[in-house]
Amino acid sequence: MLANQNTQDDSFAQSSSSTNVANISQFVRNGAEKAASEVEGRGTRTVMPLLGQALNNFLKLFRTDDDNVFYLDHAQHNIRSFLNADFELEGTMKLRNGALFQGTLKSPGSKAKSEGTVVIDAGASIDIDIECKVLIVLGKHTGKAVVSDLLVNVGALKGEYLCGAYEQLRGSKFSGTLEQAD
């Protein structure tokens, strides 16, 4: 799958702590086909058998607290490196575990390599090439990324992306090329 895409949705509203995680989880457990079959007799519809799988994959990435607020569990993703200052990098940074980028990093052409999950935090602006297993973008990323497993865009992407799977939430932005590996 190869896509050139520019998306922007200014009507995006942040999820509040009132998100009903129990209903989403129940939907995933029931499966999309069963949920679709419960609307029999309501007219034309499109069965979405993969929707349950997509929601389940998303829920595996994040956790919820007692108030149903979504959060990213650093232990689950083995995030051991925290880069939270404004800095520049020349060359390649190799990280054995996951990493969380905060702040601003302007190092076009340089590279961060991780054997785990890389997270670009909300409010962060990162301009560096990335190679990792899972990339979760909550802020802004500019550059190239090779993601062997899952690329999740909740923020803004600009550049060239090769990934095993791609998920983009409403309100996120994408500009550039996206290629899904076979």
Protein backbone atom coordinates (compact mmCIF):
# COMPACT_ATOMS: atom_id res chain seq x y z
CA MET A 1 0.00 0.00 0.00
CA LEU A 2 1.52 3.28 -1.09
CA ALA A 3 -0.18 6.56 -0.29
CA ASN A 4 0.54 10.22 -0.79
CA GLN A 5 -1.73 12.00 1.60
CA ASN A 6 -2.42 15.37 3.17
CA THR A 7 -5.04 15.33 5.90
CA GLN A 8 -6.23 17.88 8.37
CA ASP A 9 -9.36 17.93 10.48
CA ASP A 10 -9.79 21.01 12.63
CA SER A 11 -12.97 19.64 14.16
CA PHE A 12 -11.05 17.11 16.24
CA ALA A 13 -11.93 17.22 19.89
CA GLN A 14 -9.65 15.65 22.47
CA SER A 15 -11.06 12.62 24.23
CA SER A 16 -12.15 13.48 27.72
CA SER A 17 -11.90 11.39 30.85
CA SER A 18 -15.56 10.54 30.34
CA THR A 19 -14.69 8.22 27.44
CA ASN A 20 -16.56 5.03 28.11
CA VAL A 21 -13.76 2.49 27.88
CA ALA A 22 -16.03 -0.29 29.12
CA ASN A 23 -18.29 0.08 26.06
CA ILE A 24 -15.32 0.07 23.68
CA SER A 25 -13.85 -2.99 25.37
CA GLN A 26 -17.22 -4.75 25.28
CA PHE A 27 -17.53 -3.98 21.58
CA VAL A 28 -14.08 -5.43 20.95
CA ARG A 29 -14.88 -8.55 22.98
CA ASN A 30 -18.17 -9.11 21.18
CA GLY A 31 -16.48 -8.74 17.82
CA ALA A 32 -17.48 -6.46 15.00
CA GLU A 33 -19.55 -9.11 13.24
CA LYS A 34 -21.76 -9.77 16.26
CA ALA A 35 -22.20 -6.04 16.84
CA ALA A 36 -23.17 -5.59 13.20
CA SER A 37 -25.62 -8.50 13.33
CA GLU A 38 -27.46 -6.81 16.22
CA VAL A 39 -28.61 -4.08 13.84
CA GLU A 40 -30.48 -6.53 11.58
CA GLY A 41 -33.55 -4.99 10.02
CA ARG A 42 -32.26 -1.41 10.28
CA GLY A 43 -31.53 -1.09 6.57
CA THR A 44 -28.42 -1.21 4.45
CA ARG A 45 -25.20 -1.49 6.39
CA THR A 46 -21.56 -2.37 5.89
CA VAL A 47 -20.13 -5.10 8.08
CA MET A 48 -16.69 -4.17 9.36
CA PRO A 49 -15.08 -7.39 10.60
CA LEU A 50 -11.65 -5.80 11.02
CA LEU A 51 -12.88 -2.88 13.13
CA GLY A 52 -12.89 -4.98 16.29
CA GLN A 53 -9.32 -6.06 15.60
CA ALA A 54 -8.21 -2.45 14.99
CA LEU A 55 -9.82 -1.26 18.23
CA ASN A 56 -8.30 -4.16 20.13
CA ASN A 57 -4.83 -3.34 18.74
CA PHE A 58 -5.25 0.28 19.78
CA LEU A 59 -6.40 -0.65 23.28
CA LYS A 60 -3.35 -2.92 23.70
CA LEU A 61 -1.06 0.09 23.17
CA PHE A 62 -2.66 2.17 25.89
CA ARG A 63 -4.00 1.64 29.40
CA THR A 64 -6.77 3.38 31.33
CA ASP A 65 -6.81 4.50 34.92
CA ASP A 66 -9.73 4.36 37.35
CA ASP A 67 -11.18 7.54 35.77
CA ASN A 68 -11.05 5.97 32.28
CA VAL A 69 -8.24 8.31 31.18
CA PHE A 70 -6.00 6.76 28.53
CA TYR A 71 -2.24 6.72 29.20
CA LEU A 72 0.86 5.07 27.79
CA ASP A 73 2.47 2.61 30.21
CA HIS A 74 6.25 3.08 30.00
CA ALA A 75 6.94 -0.31 31.60
CA GLN A 76 4.71 -2.11 29.06
CA HIS A 77 6.63 -0.53 26.17
CA ASN A 78 10.03 -0.86 27.91
CA ILE A 79 10.68 2.88 27.62
CA ARG A 80 13.96 3.49 29.42
CA SER A 81 15.34 6.56 27.62
CA PHE A 82 13.80 9.98 28.21
CA LEU A 83 15.04 12.76 25.96
CA ASN A 84 13.35 15.89 27.22
CA ALA A 85 15.56 18.84 26.46
CA ASP A 86 15.90 20.97 23.35
CA PHE A 87 19.03 19.69 21.60
CA GLU A 88 20.67 18.81 18.31
CA LEU A 89 22.19 15.49 17.26
CA GLU A 90 24.78 14.67 14.63
CA GLY A 91 25.02 11.05 13.52
CA THR A 92 23.13 8.05 14.86
CA MET A 93 21.75 7.44 18.34
CA LYS A 94 21.28 3.73 19.16
CA LEU A 95 18.82 2.81 21.90
CA ARG A 96 18.39 -0.78 23.11
CA ASN A 97 14.98 -0.14 24.64
CA GLY A 98 12.10 2.22 24.01
CA ALA A 99 12.44 5.99 24.10
CA LEU A 100 10.28 9.00 24.85
CA PHE A 101 11.07 12.26 23.04
CA GLN A 102 9.90 15.54 24.53
CA GLY A 103 10.81 19.11 23.62
CA THR A 104 12.43 20.03 20.32
CA LEU A 105 15.00 18.11 18.32
CA LYS A 106 16.13 19.64 15.02
CA SER A 107 18.63 17.27 13.44
CA PRO A 108 17.59 16.54 9.85
CA GLY A 109 19.58 13.65 8.38
CA SER A 110 20.54 12.25 11.78
CA LYS A 111 18.99 9.02 13.00
CA ALA A 112 17.60 7.44 16.16
CA LYS A 113 17.52 3.62 16.15
CA SER A 114 15.57 1.70 18.77
CA GLU A 115 14.83 -2.00 19.20
CA GLY A 116 11.53 -1.08 20.87
CA THR A 117 8.84 1.58 21.01
CA VAL A 118 9.59 5.22 20.28
CA VAL A 119 7.09 7.81 21.50
CA ILE A 120 7.02 11.44 20.41
CA ASP A 121 5.16 13.13 23.23
CA ALA A 122 2.35 15.67 22.82
CA GLY A 123 3.87 19.11 22.32
CA ALA A 124 7.19 17.69 21.08
CA SER A 125 8.59 18.62 17.66
CA ILE A 126 11.12 16.05 16.44
CA ASP A 127 13.03 16.39 13.15
CA ILE A 128 15.15 13.23 12.87
CA ASP A 129 15.02 9.93 10.98
CA ILE A 130 13.77 7.02 13.11
CA GLU A 131 14.08 3.24 12.91
CA CYS A 132 12.09 1.27 15.48
CA LYS A 133 9.59 -1.50 16.13
CA VAL A 134 6.63 0.73 17.14
CA LEU A 135 6.35 4.50 16.64
CA ILE A 136 3.65 6.44 18.47
CA VAL A 137 3.42 10.10 17.45
CA LEU A 138 1.44 12.32 19.80
CA GLY A 139 3.32 15.50 18.81
CA LYS A 140 5.05 16.32 15.52
CA HIS A 141 7.57 14.27 13.53
CA THR A 142 9.41 15.40 10.42
CA GLY A 143 11.77 13.13 8.52
CA LYS A 144 11.90 9.49 7.52
CA ALA A 145 10.81 6.53 9.60
CA VAL A 146 11.15 2.80 9.13
CA VAL A 147 8.79 1.07 11.57
CA SER A 148 8.89 -2.72 11.52
CA ASP A 149 5.55 -3.14 13.28
CA LEU A 150 3.02 -0.39 14.00
CA LEU A 151 3.01 3.36 13.28
CA VAL A 152 0.34 5.24 15.25
CA ASN A 153 -0.34 8.87 14.33
CA VAL A 154 -2.27 10.92 16.84
CA GLY A 155 -0.30 14.11 16.08
CA ALA A 156 1.35 15.27 12.85
CA LEU A 157 3.64 13.43 10.42
CA LYS A 158 5.60 14.98 7.57
CA GLY A 159 8.01 12.93 5.52
CA GLU A 160 8.56 9.39 4.25
CA TYR A 161 7.23 6.43 6.21
CA LEU A 162 7.61 2.67 5.77
CA CYS A 163 5.73 0.54 8.27
CA GLY A 164 4.15 -2.84 8.88
CA ALA A 165 0.81 -1.30 9.86
CA TYR A 166 -0.52 2.26 10.13
CA GLU A 167 -3.24 3.74 12.31
CA GLN A 168 -4.26 7.39 12.21
CA LEU A 169 -6.84 8.94 14.47
CA ARG A 170 -9.23 11.67 13.45
CA GLY A 171 -7.68 15.08 13.88
CA SER A 172 -4.15 13.92 13.20
CA LYS A 173 -2.25 15.24 10.19
CA PHE A 174 -0.17 13.51 7.54
CA SER A 175 1.87 14.97 4.70
CA GLY A 176 4.27 12.89 2.63
CA THR A 177 4.50 9.28 1.53
CA LEU A 178 3.47 6.13 3.33
CA GLU A 179 4.38 2.63 2.24
CA GLN A 180 3.15 -0.45 4.00
CA ALA A 181 5.63 -3.33 4.00
CA ASP A 182 4.48 -6.69 2.71
